[in-house]
PDB file of N, CA and C in Angstrom:
ATOM      1  N   MET A   1     105.882  99.485  45.623  1.00  0.00           N
ATOM      2  CA  MET A   1     104.981  99.135  46.696  1.00  0.00           C
ATOM      3  C   MET A   1     103.771 100.056  46.665  1.00  0.00           C
ATOM      4  N   THR A   2     102.644  99.509  46.977  1.00  0.00           N
ATOM      5  CA  THR A   2     101.441 100.337  47.084  1.00  0.00           C
ATOM      6  C   THR A   2     101.473 101.106  48.405  1.00  0.00           C
ATOM      7  N   LYS A   3     100.595 102.055  48.522  1.00  0.00           N
ATOM      8  CA  LYS A   3     100.514 102.849  49.747  1.00  0.00           C
ATOM      9  C   LYS A   3     100.227 101.947  50.948  1.00  0.00           C
ATOM     10  N   GLN A   4      99.313 101.002  50.782  1.00  0.00           N
ATOM     11  CA  GLN A   4      98.977 100.090  51.881  1.00  0.00           C
ATOM     12  C   GLN A   4     100.160  99.205  52.255  1.00  0.00           C
ATOM     13  N   GLU A   5     100.917  98.758  51.265  1.00  0.00           N
ATOM     14  CA  GLU A   5     102.106  97.949  51.540  1.00  0.00           C
ATOM     15  C   GLU A   5     103.156  98.758  52.288  1.00  0.00           C
ATOM     16  N   LEU A   6     103.337 100.021  51.889  1.00  0.00           N
ATOM     17  CA  LEU A   6     104.276 100.897  52.588  1.00  0.00           C
ATOM     18  C   LEU A   6     103.865 101.074  54.046  1.00  0.00           C
ATOM     19  N   ILE A   7     102.592 101.324  54.249  1.00  0.00           N
ATOM     20  CA  ILE A   7     102.074 101.505  55.611  1.00  0.00           C
ATOM     21  C   ILE A   7     102.280 100.236  56.431  1.00  0.00           C
ATOM     22  N   GLY A   8     102.022  99.091  55.845  1.00  0.00           N
ATOM     23  CA  GLY A   8     102.226  97.824  56.542  1.00  0.00           C
ATOM     24  C   GLY A   8     103.677  97.584  56.907  1.00  0.00           C
ATOM     25  N   ARG A   9     104.573  97.875  55.982  1.00  0.00           N
ATOM     26  CA  ARG A   9     106.009  97.687  56.238  1.00  0.00           C
ATOM     27  C   ARG A   9     106.490  98.656  57.316  1.00  0.00           C
ATOM     28  N   ILE A  10     106.036  99.898  57.251  1.00  0.00           N
ATOM     29  CA  ILE A  10     106.401 100.880  58.270  1.00  0.00           C
ATOM     30  C   ILE A  10     105.925 100.401  59.639  1.00  0.00           C
ATOM     31  N   ALA A  11     104.710  99.885  59.698  1.00  0.00           N
ATOM     32  CA  ALA A  11     104.137  99.431  60.968  1.00  0.00           C
ATOM     33  C   ALA A  11     104.901  98.252  61.565  1.00  0.00           C
ATOM     34  N   THR A  12     105.558  97.449  60.728  1.00  0.00           N
ATOM     35  CA  THR A  12     106.341  96.336  61.273  1.00  0.00           C
ATOM     36  C   THR A  12     107.622  96.824  61.940  1.00  0.00           C
ATOM     37  N   ILE A  13     108.138  97.952  61.483  1.00  0.00           N
ATOM     38  CA  ILE A  13     109.367  98.499  62.071  1.00  0.00           C
ATOM     39  C   ILE A  13     109.032  99.464  63.201  1.00  0.00           C
ATOM     40  N   ASN A  14     108.087 100.364  62.954  1.00  0.00           N
ATOM     41  CA  ASN A  14     107.671 101.357  63.950  1.00  0.00           C
ATOM     42  C   ASN A  14     106.282 100.977  64.425  1.00  0.00           C
ATOM     43  N   ARG A  15     106.235 100.199  65.470  1.00  0.00           N
ATOM     44  CA  ARG A  15     104.953  99.674  65.955  1.00  0.00           C
ATOM     45  C   ARG A  15     104.058 100.733  66.572  1.00  0.00           C
ATOM     46  N   SER A  16     104.598 101.905  66.827  1.00  0.00           N
ATOM     47  CA  SER A  16     103.766 102.978  67.381  1.00  0.00           C
ATOM     48  C   SER A  16     103.097 103.806  66.281  1.00  0.00           C
ATOM     49  N   ALA A  17     103.474 103.580  65.026  1.00  0.00           N
ATOM     50  CA  ALA A  17     102.888 104.330  63.909  1.00  0.00           C
ATOM     51  C   ALA A  17     101.478 103.815  63.631  1.00  0.00           C
ATOM     52  N   ARG A  18     100.525 104.699  63.637  1.00  0.00           N
ATOM     53  CA  ARG A  18      99.124 104.345  63.382  1.00  0.00           C
ATOM     54  C   ARG A  18      98.828 104.420  61.891  1.00  0.00           C
ATOM     55  N   ALA A  19      98.150 103.417  61.368  1.00  0.00           N
ATOM     56  CA  ALA A  19      97.811 103.369  59.947  1.00  0.00           C
ATOM     57  C   ALA A  19      96.993 104.594  59.537  1.00  0.00           C
ATOM     58  N   GLU A  20      96.097 105.034  60.409  1.00  0.00           N
ATOM     59  CA  GLU A  20      95.255 106.192  60.105  1.00  0.00           C
ATOM     60  C   GLU A  20      96.111 107.448  59.900  1.00  0.00           C
ATOM     61  N   PHE A  21      97.115 107.599  60.728  1.00  0.00           N
ATOM     62  CA  PHE A  21      98.015 108.738  60.621  1.00  0.00           C
ATOM     63  C   PHE A  21      98.862 108.633  59.355  1.00  0.00           C
ATOM     64  N   LEU A  22      99.433 107.471  59.107  1.00  0.00           N
ATOM     65  CA  LEU A  22     100.289 107.286  57.941  1.00  0.00           C
ATOM     66  C   LEU A  22      99.517 107.468  56.636  1.00  0.00           C
ATOM     67  N   ALA A  23      98.247 107.127  56.636  1.00  0.00           N
ATOM     68  CA  ALA A  23      97.428 107.236  55.426  1.00  0.00           C
ATOM     69  C   ALA A  23      97.277 108.682  54.953  1.00  0.00           C
ATOM     70  N   GLU A  24      97.550 109.633  55.823  1.00  0.00           N
ATOM     71  CA  GLU A  24      97.439 111.047  55.456  1.00  0.00           C
ATOM     72  C   GLU A  24      98.578 111.513  54.543  1.00  0.00           C
ATOM     73  N   PHE A  25      99.647 110.707  54.437  1.00  0.00           N
ATOM     74  CA  PHE A  25     100.816 111.102  53.661  1.00  0.00           C
ATOM     75  C   PHE A  25     100.775 110.531  52.248  1.00  0.00           C
ATOM     76  N   GLU A  26     101.493 111.171  51.349  1.00  0.00           N
ATOM     77  CA  GLU A  26     101.607 110.701  49.971  1.00  0.00           C
ATOM     78  C   GLU A  26     102.556 109.510  49.919  1.00  0.00           C
ATOM     79  N   GLU A  27     102.430 108.703  48.862  1.00  0.00           N
ATOM     80  CA  GLU A  27     103.279 107.515  48.713  1.00  0.00           C
ATOM     81  C   GLU A  27     104.765 107.867  48.745  1.00  0.00           C
ATOM     82  N   ALA A  28     105.152 108.943  48.082  1.00  0.00           N
ATOM     83  CA  ALA A  28     106.568 109.331  48.042  1.00  0.00           C
ATOM     84  C   ALA A  28     107.080 109.653  49.444  1.00  0.00           C
ATOM     85  N   GLU A  29     106.251 110.301  50.250  1.00  0.00           N
ATOM     86  CA  GLU A  29     106.647 110.620  51.619  1.00  0.00           C
ATOM     87  C   GLU A  29     106.779 109.354  52.458  1.00  0.00           C
ATOM     88  N   LEU A  30     105.848 108.440  52.283  1.00  0.00           N
ATOM     89  CA  LEU A  30     105.907 107.166  53.009  1.00  0.00           C
ATOM     90  C   LEU A  30     107.137 106.367  52.599  1.00  0.00           C
ATOM     91  N   GLN A  31     107.454 106.375  51.310  1.00  0.00           N
ATOM     92  CA  GLN A  31     108.632 105.652  50.826  1.00  0.00           C
ATOM     93  C   GLN A  31     109.901 106.231  51.440  1.00  0.00           C
ATOM     94  N   GLN A  32     109.990 107.543  51.517  1.00  0.00           N
ATOM     95  CA  GLN A  32     111.158 108.182  52.119  1.00  0.00           C
ATOM     96  C   GLN A  32     111.261 107.835  53.602  1.00  0.00           C
ATOM     97  N   TYR A  33     110.137 107.858  54.291  1.00  0.00           N
ATOM     98  CA  TYR A  33     110.118 107.513  55.712  1.00  0.00           C
ATOM     99  C   TYR A  33     110.547 106.060  55.907  1.00  0.00           C
ATOM    100  N   LEU A  34     110.022 105.169  55.074  1.00  0.00           N
ATOM    101  CA  LEU A  34     110.391 103.762  55.165  1.00  0.00           C
ATOM    102  C   LEU A  34     111.883 103.576  54.910  1.00  0.00           C
ATOM    103  N   THR A  35     112.420 104.253  53.931  1.00  0.00           N
ATOM    104  CA  THR A  35     113.851 104.171  53.644  1.00  0.00           C
ATOM    105  C   THR A  35     114.661 104.614  54.862  1.00  0.00           C
ATOM    106  N   ASN A  36     114.246 105.706  55.482  1.00  0.00           N
ATOM    107  CA  ASN A  36     114.929 106.195  56.690  1.00  0.00           C
ATOM    108  C   ASN A  36     114.826 105.195  57.839  1.00  0.00           C
ATOM    109  N   LEU A  37     113.643 104.640  58.045  1.00  0.00           N
ATOM    110  CA  LEU A  37     113.457 103.649  59.103  1.00  0.00           C
ATOM    111  C   LEU A  37     114.335 102.426  58.886  1.00  0.00           C
ATOM    112  N   GLU A  38     114.367 101.931  57.656  1.00  0.00           N
ATOM    113  CA  GLU A  38     115.162 100.744  57.355  1.00  0.00           C
ATOM    114  C   GLU A  38     116.648 101.004  57.561  1.00  0.00           C
ATOM    115  N   THR A  39     117.101 102.200  57.240  1.00  0.00           N
ATOM    116  CA  THR A  39     118.505 102.562  57.448  1.00  0.00           C
ATOM    117  C   THR A  39     118.841 102.602  58.932  1.00  0.00           C
ATOM    118  N   VAL A  40     117.993 103.266  59.699  1.00  0.00           N
ATOM    119  CA  VAL A  40     118.214 103.359  61.141  1.00  0.00           C
ATOM    120  C   VAL A  40     118.155 101.980  61.783  1.00  0.00           C
ATOM    121  N   TRP A  41     117.187 101.163  61.389  1.00  0.00           N
ATOM    122  CA  TRP A  41     117.029  99.817  61.947  1.00  0.00           C
ATOM    123  C   TRP A  41     118.243  98.952  61.624  1.00  0.00           C
ATOM    124  N   ALA A  42     118.733  99.029  60.394  1.00  0.00           N
ATOM    125  CA  ALA A  42     119.915  98.250  59.997  1.00  0.00           C
ATOM    126  C   ALA A  42     121.139  98.697  60.791  1.00  0.00           C
ATOM    127  N   ASP A  43     121.300 100.005  60.967  1.00  0.00           N
ATOM    128  CA  ASP A  43     122.422 100.528  61.755  1.00  0.00           C
ATOM    129  C   ASP A  43     122.339 100.054  63.202  1.00  0.00           C
ATOM    130  N   PHE A  44     121.139 100.109  63.758  1.00  0.00           N
ATOM    131  CA  PHE A  44     120.938  99.654  65.135  1.00  0.00           C
ATOM    132  C   PHE A  44     121.293  98.183  65.280  1.00  0.00           C
ATOM    133  N   GLN A  45     120.790  97.366  64.374  1.00  0.00           N
ATOM    134  CA  GLN A  45     121.062  95.926  64.451  1.00  0.00           C
ATOM    135  C   GLN A  45     122.556  95.645  64.344  1.00  0.00           C
ATOM    136  N   GLN A  46     123.222  96.308  63.432  1.00  0.00           N
ATOM    137  CA  GLN A  46     124.650  96.083  63.253  1.00  0.00           C
ATOM    138  C   GLN A  46     125.425  96.472  64.511  1.00  0.00           C
ATOM    139  N   GLN A  47     125.121  97.611  65.077  1.00  0.00           N
ATOM    140  CA  GLN A  47     125.812  98.060  66.281  1.00  0.00           C
ATOM    141  C   GLN A  47     125.480  97.187  67.481  1.00  0.00           C
ATOM    142  N   TYR A  48     124.215  96.815  67.607  1.00  0.00           N
ATOM    143  CA  TYR A  48     123.788  96.047  68.772  1.00  0.00           C
ATOM    144  C   TYR A  48     124.357  94.641  68.740  1.00  0.00           C
ATOM    145  N   TYR A  49     124.278  93.996  67.595  1.00  0.00           N
ATOM    146  CA  TYR A  49     124.783  92.631  67.509  1.00  0.00           C
ATOM    147  C   TYR A  49     126.292  92.588  67.643  1.00  0.00           C
ATOM    148  N   THR A  50     126.981  93.647  67.255  1.00  0.00           N
ATOM    149  CA  THR A  50     128.428  93.719  67.429  1.00  0.00           C
ATOM    150  C   THR A  50     128.760  93.880  68.913  1.00  0.00           C
ATOM    151  N   ALA A  51     127.974  94.701  69.607  1.00  0.00           N
ATOM    152  CA  ALA A  51     128.224  94.987  71.010  1.00  0.00           C
ATOM    153  C   ALA A  51     127.769  93.864  71.936  1.00  0.00           C
ATOM    154  N   CYS A  52     126.828  93.077  71.517  1.00  0.00           N
ATOM    155  CA  CYS A  52     126.242  92.043  72.375  1.00  0.00           C
ATOM    156  C   CYS A  52     126.433  90.683  71.731  1.00  0.00           C
ATOM    157  N   GLU A  53     127.409  89.952  72.184  1.00  0.00           N
ATOM    158  CA  GLU A  53     127.643  88.622  71.619  1.00  0.00           C
ATOM    159  C   GLU A  53     126.676  87.636  72.254  1.00  0.00           C
ATOM    160  N   THR A  54     125.979  86.912  71.392  1.00  0.00           N
ATOM    161  CA  THR A  54     125.020  85.915  71.853  1.00  0.00           C
ATOM    162  C   THR A  54     124.849  84.875  70.768  1.00  0.00           C
ATOM    163  N   THR A  55     124.381  83.723  71.134  1.00  0.00           N
ATOM    164  CA  THR A  55     124.141  82.668  70.144  1.00  0.00           C
ATOM    165  C   THR A  55     122.686  82.632  69.704  1.00  0.00           C
ATOM    166  N   SER A  56     121.856  83.451  70.300  1.00  0.00           N
ATOM    167  CA  SER A  56     120.442  83.478  69.956  1.00  0.00           C
ATOM    168  C   SER A  56     120.235  84.058  68.565  1.00  0.00           C
ATOM    169  N   SER A  57     119.317  83.475  67.812  1.00  0.00           N
ATOM    170  CA  SER A  57     119.019  83.986  66.478  1.00  0.00           C
ATOM    171  C   SER A  57     117.727  84.791  66.448  1.00  0.00           C
ATOM    172  N   THR A  58     117.079  84.942  67.593  1.00  0.00           N
ATOM    173  CA  THR A  58     115.837  85.689  67.669  1.00  0.00           C
ATOM    174  C   THR A  58     116.115  87.073  68.233  1.00  0.00           C
ATOM    175  N   PRO A  59     115.832  88.148  67.462  1.00  0.00           N
ATOM    176  CA  PRO A  59     116.138  89.504  67.938  1.00  0.00           C
ATOM    177  C   PRO A  59     115.539  89.834  69.301  1.00  0.00           C
ATOM    178  N   GLU A  60     114.313  89.397  69.571  1.00  0.00           N
ATOM    179  CA  GLU A  60     113.692  89.698  70.848  1.00  0.00           C
ATOM    180  C   GLU A  60     114.490  89.081  71.992  1.00  0.00           C
ATOM    181  N   LEU A  61     114.973  87.855  71.774  1.00  0.00           N
ATOM    182  CA  LEU A  61     115.762  87.201  72.799  1.00  0.00           C
ATOM    183  C   LEU A  61     117.112  87.874  72.980  1.00  0.00           C
ATOM    184  N   VAL A  62     117.678  88.353  71.905  1.00  0.00           N
ATOM    185  CA  VAL A  62     118.950  89.073  71.981  1.00  0.00           C
ATOM    186  C   VAL A  62     118.788  90.312  72.817  1.00  0.00           C
ATOM    187  N   LEU A  63     117.717  91.062  72.573  1.00  0.00           N
ATOM    188  CA  LEU A  63     117.486  92.293  73.329  1.00  0.00           C
ATOM    189  C   LEU A  63     117.287  92.002  74.809  1.00  0.00           C
ATOM    190  N   MET A  64     116.650  90.903  75.130  1.00  0.00           N
ATOM    191  CA  MET A  64     116.398  90.576  76.515  1.00  0.00           C
ATOM    192  C   MET A  64     117.628  89.982  77.189  1.00  0.00           C
ATOM    193  N   ALA A  65     118.488  89.350  76.431  1.00  0.00           N
ATOM    194  CA  ALA A  65     119.623  88.649  77.007  1.00  0.00           C
ATOM    195  C   ALA A  65     120.743  89.588  77.436  1.00  0.00           C
ATOM    196  N   CYS A  66     120.837  90.761  76.858  1.00  0.00           N
ATOM    197  CA  CYS A  66     121.982  91.645  77.128  1.00  0.00           C
ATOM    198  C   CYS A  66     121.724  92.617  78.238  1.00  0.00           C
TER     199      CYS A  66
END
């Protein structure tokens, strides 16, 4: 992934992350951060969906329904 792609992917998971701030980091640092974010996000989803039974397939609706 390019630096811009990493920044874009990070921004989809961490909506509070500013592109200007992320641009200050090296690609390797951004890749590590993205890997950490994806791990935490996957863990959260697994725990949340296990704890909250719903038929909704939209994550936003799941969060609001429980």
